[in-house]
N, C-alpha and C. Protein backbone atom coordinates (compact mmCIF):
# COMPACT_ATOMS: atom_id res chain seq x y z
N GLN A 1 -4.88 -17.01 -4.89
CA GLN A 1 -6.29 -16.88 -4.54
C GLN A 1 -6.73 -18.17 -3.87
N THR A 2 -7.17 -18.04 -2.61
CA THR A 2 -7.60 -19.18 -1.83
C THR A 2 -8.47 -18.69 -0.69
N ASP A 3 -8.92 -19.60 0.16
CA ASP A 3 -9.73 -19.17 1.30
C ASP A 3 -8.83 -18.60 2.39
N SER A 4 -9.44 -17.96 3.38
CA SER A 4 -8.69 -17.29 4.44
C SER A 4 -7.80 -18.26 5.21
N GLU A 5 -8.33 -19.42 5.53
CA GLU A 5 -7.57 -20.40 6.30
C GLU A 5 -6.28 -20.80 5.58
N GLU A 6 -6.39 -21.10 4.30
CA GLU A 6 -5.21 -21.50 3.52
C GLU A 6 -4.25 -20.32 3.35
N ALA A 7 -4.78 -19.11 3.15
CA ALA A 7 -3.92 -17.93 3.00
C ALA A 7 -3.10 -17.70 4.27
N ILE A 8 -3.72 -17.85 5.43
CA ILE A 8 -3.01 -17.69 6.70
C ILE A 8 -1.95 -18.78 6.84
N HIS A 9 -2.27 -19.99 6.44
CA HIS A 9 -1.30 -21.09 6.47
C HIS A 9 -0.08 -20.74 5.61
N ARG A 10 -0.31 -20.17 4.44
CA ARG A 10 0.79 -19.80 3.54
C ARG A 10 1.65 -18.69 4.12
N VAL A 11 1.03 -17.76 4.85
CA VAL A 11 1.80 -16.72 5.55
C VAL A 11 2.69 -17.37 6.60
N LEU A 12 2.12 -18.31 7.35
CA LEU A 12 2.88 -18.93 8.44
C LEU A 12 4.00 -19.83 7.94
N ASP A 13 3.81 -20.49 6.79
CA ASP A 13 4.89 -21.37 6.29
C ASP A 13 5.88 -20.61 5.41
N GLY A 14 5.67 -19.30 5.23
CA GLY A 14 6.62 -18.48 4.50
C GLY A 14 6.45 -18.50 2.99
N THR A 15 5.42 -19.15 2.49
CA THR A 15 5.16 -19.18 1.05
C THR A 15 4.87 -17.78 0.53
N VAL A 16 4.16 -16.97 1.33
CA VAL A 16 3.85 -15.58 0.97
C VAL A 16 4.23 -14.68 2.14
N ASP A 17 4.49 -13.40 1.84
CA ASP A 17 4.85 -12.44 2.88
C ASP A 17 3.63 -11.96 3.66
N LEU A 18 2.54 -11.77 2.95
CA LEU A 18 1.30 -11.32 3.60
C LEU A 18 0.12 -11.79 2.78
N ALA A 19 -1.06 -11.69 3.36
CA ALA A 19 -2.28 -12.09 2.66
C ALA A 19 -3.40 -11.13 3.04
N LEU A 20 -4.38 -11.03 2.17
CA LEU A 20 -5.60 -10.27 2.43
C LEU A 20 -6.69 -11.29 2.70
N VAL A 21 -7.24 -11.26 3.92
CA VAL A 21 -8.18 -12.30 4.34
C VAL A 21 -9.46 -11.71 4.92
N GLY A 22 -10.48 -12.55 4.96
CA GLY A 22 -11.79 -12.13 5.45
C GLY A 22 -12.10 -12.60 6.85
N GLN A 23 -11.10 -13.10 7.56
CA GLN A 23 -11.35 -13.47 8.96
C GLN A 23 -10.08 -13.35 9.78
N ASN A 24 -10.26 -13.02 11.03
CA ASN A 24 -9.17 -12.97 11.99
C ASN A 24 -9.28 -14.21 12.85
N THR A 25 -8.36 -15.14 12.66
CA THR A 25 -8.42 -16.40 13.41
C THR A 25 -7.87 -16.25 14.82
N GLY A 26 -7.26 -15.11 15.12
CA GLY A 26 -6.70 -14.91 16.44
C GLY A 26 -5.39 -15.65 16.66
N ASP A 27 -4.79 -16.14 15.60
CA ASP A 27 -3.52 -16.86 15.70
C ASP A 27 -2.45 -15.92 16.26
N ASP A 28 -1.84 -16.29 17.39
CA ASP A 28 -0.88 -15.44 18.08
C ASP A 28 0.40 -15.20 17.29
N SER A 29 0.69 -16.04 16.30
CA SER A 29 1.93 -15.86 15.54
C SER A 29 1.72 -14.94 14.33
N CYS A 30 0.53 -14.37 14.20
CA CYS A 30 0.22 -13.47 13.09
C CYS A 30 -0.22 -12.10 13.60
N ILE A 31 -0.05 -11.12 12.74
CA ILE A 31 -0.60 -9.79 13.00
C ILE A 31 -1.71 -9.57 11.98
N PHE A 32 -2.90 -9.24 12.48
CA PHE A 32 -4.07 -8.98 11.65
C PHE A 32 -4.37 -7.49 11.71
N THR A 33 -4.27 -6.81 10.57
CA THR A 33 -4.53 -5.38 10.50
C THR A 33 -5.76 -5.15 9.63
N PRO A 34 -6.86 -4.65 10.22
CA PRO A 34 -8.05 -4.40 9.39
C PRO A 34 -7.77 -3.30 8.37
N PHE A 35 -8.29 -3.48 7.14
CA PHE A 35 -8.08 -2.45 6.12
C PHE A 35 -9.37 -2.01 5.44
N CYS A 36 -10.46 -2.76 5.55
CA CYS A 36 -11.74 -2.29 5.02
C CYS A 36 -12.89 -3.06 5.64
N GLN A 37 -14.08 -2.50 5.49
CA GLN A 37 -15.31 -3.08 6.02
C GLN A 37 -16.21 -3.50 4.86
N ASP A 38 -17.07 -4.46 5.13
CA ASP A 38 -17.96 -4.96 4.10
C ASP A 38 -19.18 -5.59 4.76
N THR A 39 -20.21 -5.85 3.97
CA THR A 39 -21.39 -6.56 4.45
C THR A 39 -21.66 -7.73 3.50
N LEU A 40 -22.49 -8.65 3.94
CA LEU A 40 -22.88 -9.78 3.11
C LEU A 40 -24.16 -9.46 2.35
N VAL A 41 -24.26 -10.04 1.15
CA VAL A 41 -25.45 -9.88 0.31
C VAL A 41 -25.78 -11.23 -0.32
N VAL A 42 -27.03 -11.36 -0.76
CA VAL A 42 -27.39 -12.48 -1.61
C VAL A 42 -27.14 -12.01 -3.04
N ALA A 43 -26.33 -12.77 -3.77
CA ALA A 43 -26.07 -12.47 -5.18
C ALA A 43 -26.89 -13.47 -6.00
N ALA A 44 -27.68 -12.95 -6.94
CA ALA A 44 -28.58 -13.80 -7.72
C ALA A 44 -28.46 -13.46 -9.20
N PRO A 45 -28.79 -14.44 -10.06
CA PRO A 45 -28.76 -14.16 -11.49
C PRO A 45 -29.89 -13.21 -11.88
N VAL A 46 -29.74 -12.58 -13.02
CA VAL A 46 -30.77 -11.66 -13.52
C VAL A 46 -31.80 -12.51 -14.26
N THR A 47 -32.85 -12.89 -13.52
CA THR A 47 -33.95 -13.66 -14.10
C THR A 47 -35.26 -12.98 -13.71
N GLU A 48 -36.33 -13.39 -14.32
CA GLU A 48 -37.63 -12.80 -14.02
C GLU A 48 -37.97 -12.93 -12.54
N ARG A 49 -37.73 -14.11 -11.98
CA ARG A 49 -38.03 -14.35 -10.55
C ARG A 49 -37.30 -13.35 -9.65
N TYR A 50 -36.00 -13.19 -9.87
CA TYR A 50 -35.22 -12.32 -8.99
C TYR A 50 -35.48 -10.84 -9.27
N LEU A 51 -35.82 -10.50 -10.51
CA LEU A 51 -36.20 -9.12 -10.80
C LEU A 51 -37.48 -8.76 -10.03
N LYS A 52 -38.43 -9.69 -9.95
CA LYS A 52 -39.66 -9.46 -9.18
C LYS A 52 -39.36 -9.33 -7.69
N LEU A 53 -38.47 -10.19 -7.19
CA LEU A 53 -38.09 -10.11 -5.77
C LEU A 53 -37.39 -8.78 -5.48
N LYS A 54 -36.62 -8.30 -6.41
CA LYS A 54 -35.88 -7.05 -6.23
C LYS A 54 -36.85 -5.86 -6.09
N GLU A 55 -37.97 -5.92 -6.80
CA GLU A 55 -38.96 -4.84 -6.75
C GLU A 55 -39.58 -4.70 -5.37
N LYS A 56 -39.66 -5.81 -4.61
CA LYS A 56 -40.39 -5.77 -3.35
C LYS A 56 -39.52 -5.92 -2.10
N SER A 57 -38.21 -5.78 -2.21
CA SER A 57 -37.31 -5.92 -1.06
C SER A 57 -37.50 -7.28 -0.38
N ALA A 58 -37.04 -8.32 -1.00
CA ALA A 58 -37.21 -9.68 -0.51
C ALA A 58 -36.46 -9.92 0.80
N GLU A 59 -37.03 -10.81 1.61
CA GLU A 59 -36.37 -11.26 2.84
C GLU A 59 -35.68 -12.58 2.55
N PHE A 60 -34.71 -12.95 3.37
CA PHE A 60 -33.90 -14.14 3.10
C PHE A 60 -34.74 -15.41 3.01
N GLN A 61 -35.82 -15.51 3.79
CA GLN A 61 -36.67 -16.70 3.77
C GLN A 61 -37.16 -17.02 2.35
N GLU A 62 -37.28 -16.01 1.51
CA GLU A 62 -37.77 -16.23 0.15
C GLU A 62 -36.74 -16.91 -0.75
N PHE A 63 -35.51 -17.06 -0.26
CA PHE A 63 -34.44 -17.71 -1.02
C PHE A 63 -34.16 -19.13 -0.54
N LEU A 64 -34.84 -19.58 0.51
CA LEU A 64 -34.51 -20.86 1.15
C LEU A 64 -34.57 -22.07 0.22
N HIS A 65 -35.45 -22.08 -0.74
CA HIS A 65 -35.58 -23.25 -1.61
C HIS A 65 -34.81 -23.11 -2.93
N ASP A 66 -34.17 -21.97 -3.10
CA ASP A 66 -33.41 -21.73 -4.34
C ASP A 66 -32.09 -22.49 -4.31
N PRO A 67 -31.55 -22.85 -5.47
CA PRO A 67 -30.25 -23.50 -5.51
C PRO A 67 -29.17 -22.54 -5.01
N VAL A 68 -28.34 -23.02 -4.07
CA VAL A 68 -27.33 -22.18 -3.43
C VAL A 68 -25.94 -22.74 -3.68
N ILE A 69 -25.03 -21.85 -3.99
CA ILE A 69 -23.61 -22.19 -4.15
C ILE A 69 -22.91 -21.58 -2.94
N ILE A 70 -22.15 -22.38 -2.20
CA ILE A 70 -21.48 -21.84 -1.03
C ILE A 70 -19.97 -22.03 -1.12
N ARG A 71 -19.27 -21.22 -0.33
CA ARG A 71 -17.82 -21.32 -0.24
C ARG A 71 -17.44 -22.52 0.62
N GLU A 72 -16.18 -22.92 0.53
CA GLU A 72 -15.69 -24.06 1.28
C GLU A 72 -15.48 -23.68 2.75
N LYS A 73 -15.18 -24.68 3.56
CA LYS A 73 -15.11 -24.55 5.02
C LYS A 73 -14.15 -23.47 5.51
N GLY A 74 -12.98 -23.32 4.93
CA GLY A 74 -11.98 -22.39 5.43
C GLY A 74 -12.20 -20.94 5.06
N SER A 75 -13.28 -20.65 4.37
CA SER A 75 -13.55 -19.31 3.88
C SER A 75 -14.11 -18.40 4.98
N GLY A 76 -13.62 -17.16 5.02
CA GLY A 76 -14.17 -16.18 5.94
C GLY A 76 -15.62 -15.86 5.60
N THR A 77 -15.93 -15.84 4.31
CA THR A 77 -17.31 -15.59 3.87
C THR A 77 -18.23 -16.69 4.37
N LYS A 78 -17.78 -17.94 4.29
CA LYS A 78 -18.57 -19.08 4.77
C LYS A 78 -18.83 -18.95 6.26
N LYS A 79 -17.80 -18.56 7.00
CA LYS A 79 -17.95 -18.38 8.45
C LYS A 79 -18.98 -17.29 8.75
N GLU A 80 -18.90 -16.17 8.04
CA GLU A 80 -19.86 -15.09 8.24
C GLU A 80 -21.27 -15.51 7.83
N MET A 81 -21.38 -16.29 6.76
CA MET A 81 -22.68 -16.80 6.32
C MET A 81 -23.29 -17.68 7.40
N ASP A 82 -22.48 -18.55 7.99
CA ASP A 82 -22.96 -19.43 9.06
C ASP A 82 -23.45 -18.62 10.26
N LEU A 83 -22.73 -17.56 10.60
CA LEU A 83 -23.17 -16.70 11.71
C LEU A 83 -24.49 -16.02 11.38
N PHE A 84 -24.64 -15.56 10.14
CA PHE A 84 -25.89 -14.94 9.71
C PHE A 84 -27.04 -15.93 9.81
N LEU A 85 -26.85 -17.16 9.29
CA LEU A 85 -27.91 -18.17 9.32
C LEU A 85 -28.30 -18.50 10.76
N GLU A 86 -27.31 -18.62 11.63
CA GLU A 86 -27.58 -18.91 13.03
C GLU A 86 -28.41 -17.78 13.66
N LYS A 87 -28.07 -16.56 13.31
CA LYS A 87 -28.76 -15.39 13.86
C LYS A 87 -30.23 -15.36 13.47
N ILE A 88 -30.56 -15.84 12.26
CA ILE A 88 -31.96 -15.81 11.81
C ILE A 88 -32.66 -17.16 12.04
N GLY A 89 -31.96 -18.11 12.68
CA GLY A 89 -32.58 -19.39 13.02
C GLY A 89 -32.70 -20.37 11.87
N VAL A 90 -31.79 -20.31 10.91
CA VAL A 90 -31.79 -21.23 9.77
C VAL A 90 -30.55 -22.11 9.88
N THR A 91 -30.73 -23.42 9.76
CA THR A 91 -29.57 -24.32 9.77
C THR A 91 -29.07 -24.48 8.33
N PRO A 92 -27.76 -24.66 8.15
CA PRO A 92 -27.23 -24.84 6.80
C PRO A 92 -27.89 -26.00 6.05
N SER A 93 -28.36 -27.01 6.78
CA SER A 93 -29.01 -28.15 6.12
C SER A 93 -30.35 -27.77 5.50
N GLU A 94 -30.92 -26.64 5.89
CA GLU A 94 -32.18 -26.17 5.31
C GLU A 94 -31.98 -25.54 3.94
N LEU A 95 -30.73 -25.21 3.59
CA LEU A 95 -30.45 -24.61 2.29
C LEU A 95 -30.40 -25.69 1.22
N ASN A 96 -30.74 -25.31 0.01
CA ASN A 96 -30.69 -26.21 -1.15
C ASN A 96 -29.32 -26.05 -1.81
N VAL A 97 -28.28 -26.59 -1.13
CA VAL A 97 -26.91 -26.43 -1.60
C VAL A 97 -26.68 -27.34 -2.81
N ILE A 98 -26.32 -26.73 -3.94
CA ILE A 98 -26.08 -27.51 -5.16
C ILE A 98 -24.60 -27.62 -5.48
N ALA A 99 -23.78 -26.73 -4.85
CA ALA A 99 -22.34 -26.78 -5.12
C ALA A 99 -21.58 -26.09 -4.00
N ARG A 100 -20.37 -26.59 -3.75
CA ARG A 100 -19.41 -25.95 -2.85
C ARG A 100 -18.18 -25.67 -3.67
N MET A 101 -17.75 -24.41 -3.67
CA MET A 101 -16.61 -24.02 -4.50
C MET A 101 -15.60 -23.25 -3.65
N ASN A 102 -14.33 -23.43 -3.98
CA ASN A 102 -13.31 -22.71 -3.24
C ASN A 102 -12.79 -21.48 -3.98
N ASP A 103 -13.36 -21.19 -5.13
CA ASP A 103 -12.90 -20.07 -5.94
C ASP A 103 -14.04 -19.07 -6.13
N LEU A 104 -13.83 -17.86 -5.64
CA LEU A 104 -14.85 -16.82 -5.72
C LEU A 104 -15.24 -16.52 -7.16
N GLU A 105 -14.27 -16.47 -8.06
CA GLU A 105 -14.57 -16.17 -9.46
C GLU A 105 -15.48 -17.23 -10.08
N SER A 106 -15.27 -18.48 -9.72
CA SER A 106 -16.13 -19.56 -10.22
C SER A 106 -17.55 -19.41 -9.71
N ILE A 107 -17.69 -19.02 -8.46
CA ILE A 107 -19.02 -18.80 -7.89
C ILE A 107 -19.71 -17.65 -8.64
N LYS A 108 -19.00 -16.56 -8.85
CA LYS A 108 -19.58 -15.41 -9.54
C LYS A 108 -20.01 -15.78 -10.96
N LYS A 109 -19.17 -16.51 -11.68
CA LYS A 109 -19.53 -16.93 -13.04
C LYS A 109 -20.73 -17.86 -13.03
N SER A 110 -20.81 -18.73 -12.03
CA SER A 110 -21.95 -19.65 -11.92
C SER A 110 -23.25 -18.88 -11.70
N ILE A 111 -23.19 -17.84 -10.89
CA ILE A 111 -24.38 -17.01 -10.65
C ILE A 111 -24.79 -16.30 -11.94
N VAL A 112 -23.83 -15.66 -12.60
CA VAL A 112 -24.12 -14.96 -13.85
C VAL A 112 -24.77 -15.90 -14.85
N ASN A 113 -24.32 -17.16 -14.89
CA ASN A 113 -24.85 -18.14 -15.84
C ASN A 113 -26.13 -18.82 -15.36
N GLY A 114 -26.67 -18.38 -14.20
CA GLY A 114 -27.96 -18.86 -13.74
C GLY A 114 -27.96 -20.16 -12.97
N LEU A 115 -26.78 -20.62 -12.53
CA LEU A 115 -26.71 -21.89 -11.81
C LEU A 115 -27.38 -21.82 -10.45
N GLY A 116 -27.26 -20.68 -9.78
CA GLY A 116 -27.85 -20.54 -8.45
C GLY A 116 -27.53 -19.19 -7.85
N ILE A 117 -27.77 -19.08 -6.54
CA ILE A 117 -27.50 -17.86 -5.79
C ILE A 117 -26.38 -18.15 -4.80
N SER A 118 -25.86 -17.11 -4.18
CA SER A 118 -24.85 -17.30 -3.15
C SER A 118 -24.87 -16.12 -2.20
N ILE A 119 -24.34 -16.35 -1.01
CA ILE A 119 -24.14 -15.27 -0.04
C ILE A 119 -22.68 -14.89 -0.14
N LEU A 120 -22.43 -13.63 -0.52
CA LEU A 120 -21.07 -13.17 -0.78
C LEU A 120 -20.84 -11.80 -0.16
N SER A 121 -19.59 -11.40 -0.10
CA SER A 121 -19.25 -10.04 0.33
C SER A 121 -19.70 -9.06 -0.75
N ALA A 122 -20.33 -7.99 -0.32
CA ALA A 122 -20.83 -7.00 -1.27
C ALA A 122 -19.72 -6.44 -2.15
N ARG A 123 -18.55 -6.17 -1.58
CA ARG A 123 -17.44 -5.60 -2.35
C ARG A 123 -16.99 -6.52 -3.48
N SER A 124 -17.17 -7.83 -3.30
CA SER A 124 -16.66 -8.78 -4.30
C SER A 124 -17.54 -8.86 -5.55
N VAL A 125 -18.75 -8.30 -5.48
CA VAL A 125 -19.68 -8.44 -6.61
C VAL A 125 -20.28 -7.13 -7.11
N THR A 126 -19.85 -6.01 -6.57
CA THR A 126 -20.43 -4.73 -7.01
C THR A 126 -20.14 -4.46 -8.49
N ASP A 127 -18.99 -4.94 -8.99
CA ASP A 127 -18.68 -4.74 -10.41
C ASP A 127 -19.71 -5.43 -11.29
N LEU A 128 -20.13 -6.64 -10.90
CA LEU A 128 -21.12 -7.38 -11.68
C LEU A 128 -22.51 -6.76 -11.56
N GLU A 129 -22.78 -6.17 -10.42
CA GLU A 129 -24.07 -5.48 -10.26
C GLU A 129 -24.10 -4.22 -11.14
N LYS A 130 -23.01 -3.47 -11.16
CA LYS A 130 -22.96 -2.24 -11.96
C LYS A 130 -23.15 -2.52 -13.45
N THR A 131 -22.66 -3.68 -13.90
CA THR A 131 -22.81 -4.03 -15.32
C THR A 131 -24.08 -4.86 -15.57
N LYS A 132 -24.94 -4.92 -14.54
CA LYS A 132 -26.25 -5.57 -14.63
C LYS A 132 -26.17 -7.07 -14.98
N GLN A 133 -25.09 -7.72 -14.52
CA GLN A 133 -24.93 -9.15 -14.74
C GLN A 133 -25.51 -9.98 -13.60
N ILE A 134 -25.66 -9.36 -12.41
CA ILE A 134 -26.27 -10.04 -11.27
C ILE A 134 -27.12 -9.03 -10.50
N LEU A 135 -27.94 -9.55 -9.60
CA LEU A 135 -28.74 -8.73 -8.70
C LEU A 135 -28.25 -8.98 -7.28
N LEU A 136 -28.22 -7.92 -6.46
CA LEU A 136 -27.80 -8.04 -5.07
C LEU A 136 -28.95 -7.71 -4.14
N PHE A 137 -29.08 -8.52 -3.09
CA PHE A 137 -30.11 -8.34 -2.07
C PHE A 137 -29.41 -8.22 -0.72
N PRO A 138 -29.59 -7.10 -0.02
CA PRO A 138 -28.98 -6.98 1.31
C PRO A 138 -29.59 -7.98 2.28
N LEU A 139 -28.80 -8.44 3.22
CA LEU A 139 -29.31 -9.36 4.24
C LEU A 139 -29.81 -8.53 5.41
N GLU A 140 -31.08 -8.70 5.74
CA GLU A 140 -31.73 -7.86 6.74
C GLU A 140 -31.08 -7.94 8.11
N GLU A 141 -30.53 -9.09 8.48
CA GLU A 141 -29.91 -9.25 9.79
C GLU A 141 -28.40 -9.00 9.75
N SER A 142 -27.88 -8.65 8.60
CA SER A 142 -26.44 -8.47 8.46
C SER A 142 -26.06 -7.02 8.69
N VAL A 143 -26.52 -6.47 9.82
CA VAL A 143 -26.25 -5.07 10.10
C VAL A 143 -24.81 -4.84 10.55
N HIS A 144 -24.20 -5.87 11.10
CA HIS A 144 -22.80 -5.70 11.50
C HIS A 144 -21.91 -5.77 10.27
N GLU A 145 -20.88 -4.96 10.30
CA GLU A 145 -19.96 -4.98 9.17
C GLU A 145 -18.89 -6.03 9.41
N ARG A 146 -18.44 -6.59 8.32
CA ARG A 146 -17.38 -7.59 8.35
C ARG A 146 -16.07 -6.88 8.02
N SER A 147 -15.00 -7.26 8.68
CA SER A 147 -13.69 -6.68 8.40
C SER A 147 -12.87 -7.58 7.51
N PHE A 148 -12.05 -6.95 6.67
CA PHE A 148 -11.02 -7.66 5.92
C PHE A 148 -9.68 -7.24 6.52
N TYR A 149 -8.74 -8.17 6.52
CA TYR A 149 -7.47 -7.95 7.20
C TYR A 149 -6.27 -8.20 6.29
N ILE A 150 -5.21 -7.44 6.54
CA ILE A 150 -3.89 -7.77 6.03
C ILE A 150 -3.26 -8.62 7.13
N VAL A 151 -2.80 -9.79 6.79
CA VAL A 151 -2.19 -10.66 7.80
C VAL A 151 -0.76 -10.98 7.40
N TYR A 152 0.13 -10.93 8.40
CA TYR A 152 1.53 -11.31 8.18
C TYR A 152 2.07 -11.92 9.46
N SER A 153 3.18 -12.61 9.33
CA SER A 153 3.77 -13.31 10.47
C SER A 153 4.50 -12.34 11.39
N LYS A 154 4.32 -12.53 12.71
CA LYS A 154 5.06 -11.76 13.70
C LYS A 154 6.55 -12.07 13.65
N ASN A 155 6.88 -13.25 13.17
CA ASN A 155 8.25 -13.74 13.22
C ASN A 155 9.08 -13.41 11.99
N ARG A 156 8.55 -12.60 11.09
CA ARG A 156 9.30 -12.23 9.88
C ARG A 156 9.35 -10.71 9.76
N ILE A 157 10.47 -10.25 9.27
CA ILE A 157 10.60 -8.83 8.99
C ILE A 157 10.16 -8.61 7.54
N LEU A 158 9.20 -7.71 7.37
CA LEU A 158 8.69 -7.45 6.03
C LEU A 158 9.67 -6.61 5.22
N LYS A 159 9.87 -6.98 3.99
CA LYS A 159 10.73 -6.24 3.07
C LYS A 159 10.09 -4.89 2.77
N PRO A 160 10.89 -3.88 2.42
CA PRO A 160 10.33 -2.54 2.16
C PRO A 160 9.23 -2.52 1.11
N HIS A 161 9.36 -3.28 0.02
CA HIS A 161 8.32 -3.27 -1.01
C HIS A 161 7.03 -3.91 -0.52
N VAL A 162 7.14 -4.86 0.40
CA VAL A 162 5.94 -5.50 0.98
C VAL A 162 5.24 -4.50 1.90
N ARG A 163 6.02 -3.78 2.70
CA ARG A 163 5.44 -2.74 3.57
C ARG A 163 4.77 -1.65 2.72
N GLN A 164 5.42 -1.29 1.61
CA GLN A 164 4.86 -0.28 0.72
C GLN A 164 3.52 -0.75 0.14
N PHE A 165 3.45 -2.02 -0.26
CA PHE A 165 2.19 -2.58 -0.76
C PHE A 165 1.12 -2.53 0.33
N MET A 166 1.50 -2.91 1.55
CA MET A 166 0.57 -2.92 2.66
C MET A 166 0.01 -1.50 2.90
N HIS A 167 0.86 -0.51 2.87
CA HIS A 167 0.40 0.88 3.06
C HIS A 167 -0.48 1.34 1.91
N SER A 168 -0.17 0.89 0.70
CA SER A 168 -1.00 1.23 -0.47
C SER A 168 -2.40 0.67 -0.31
N VAL A 169 -2.51 -0.57 0.14
CA VAL A 169 -3.82 -1.20 0.37
C VAL A 169 -4.59 -0.41 1.42
N GLN A 170 -3.93 -0.09 2.54
CA GLN A 170 -4.60 0.65 3.61
C GLN A 170 -5.05 2.03 3.13
N ASN A 171 -4.21 2.73 2.37
CA ASN A 171 -4.57 4.06 1.88
C ASN A 171 -5.70 4.00 0.86
N PHE A 172 -5.71 2.97 0.02
CA PHE A 172 -6.75 2.84 -0.98
C PHE A 172 -8.14 2.73 -0.34
N TYR A 173 -8.25 2.02 0.77
CA TYR A 173 -9.55 1.79 1.40
C TYR A 173 -9.93 2.80 2.46
N GLN A 174 -9.05 3.81 2.72
CA GLN A 174 -9.41 4.82 3.72
C GLN A 174 -10.16 5.96 3.11
């Protein structure tokens, strides 16, 4: 478990056969196969403030002063978040960033425990929303869907069990 940039590096150095990543870097030595679509959401703890915001369909501007936990630089989610902020005219320096984490599970636990909010892939937090541990707010300008990719090296022949896993992932999300 790592960010997209590091996962692609591991594919290229042969540490892993393939990786599931949230960005296509366009690296010519890799094959990127999309396997599912997703959107970004604001994930927030279940508090009185956010429950009130949930009732009225809050806009992103209402979260600008809240404590924010963001992913590290190599993350596909971070890249998509930056594109979203640019689209709505907000610079990352305008956010009240309290932590940068490279582990999605740590970010999710921090939100559940009330440390702050984060912009995350909807698919990564729907389980916590279903169990009422967090609240999700769609991003109004995030109408484009984000793709997730299976990435592997062009220069390696995939073993049959790796190909079988790849097909299982693709079939699961179709």
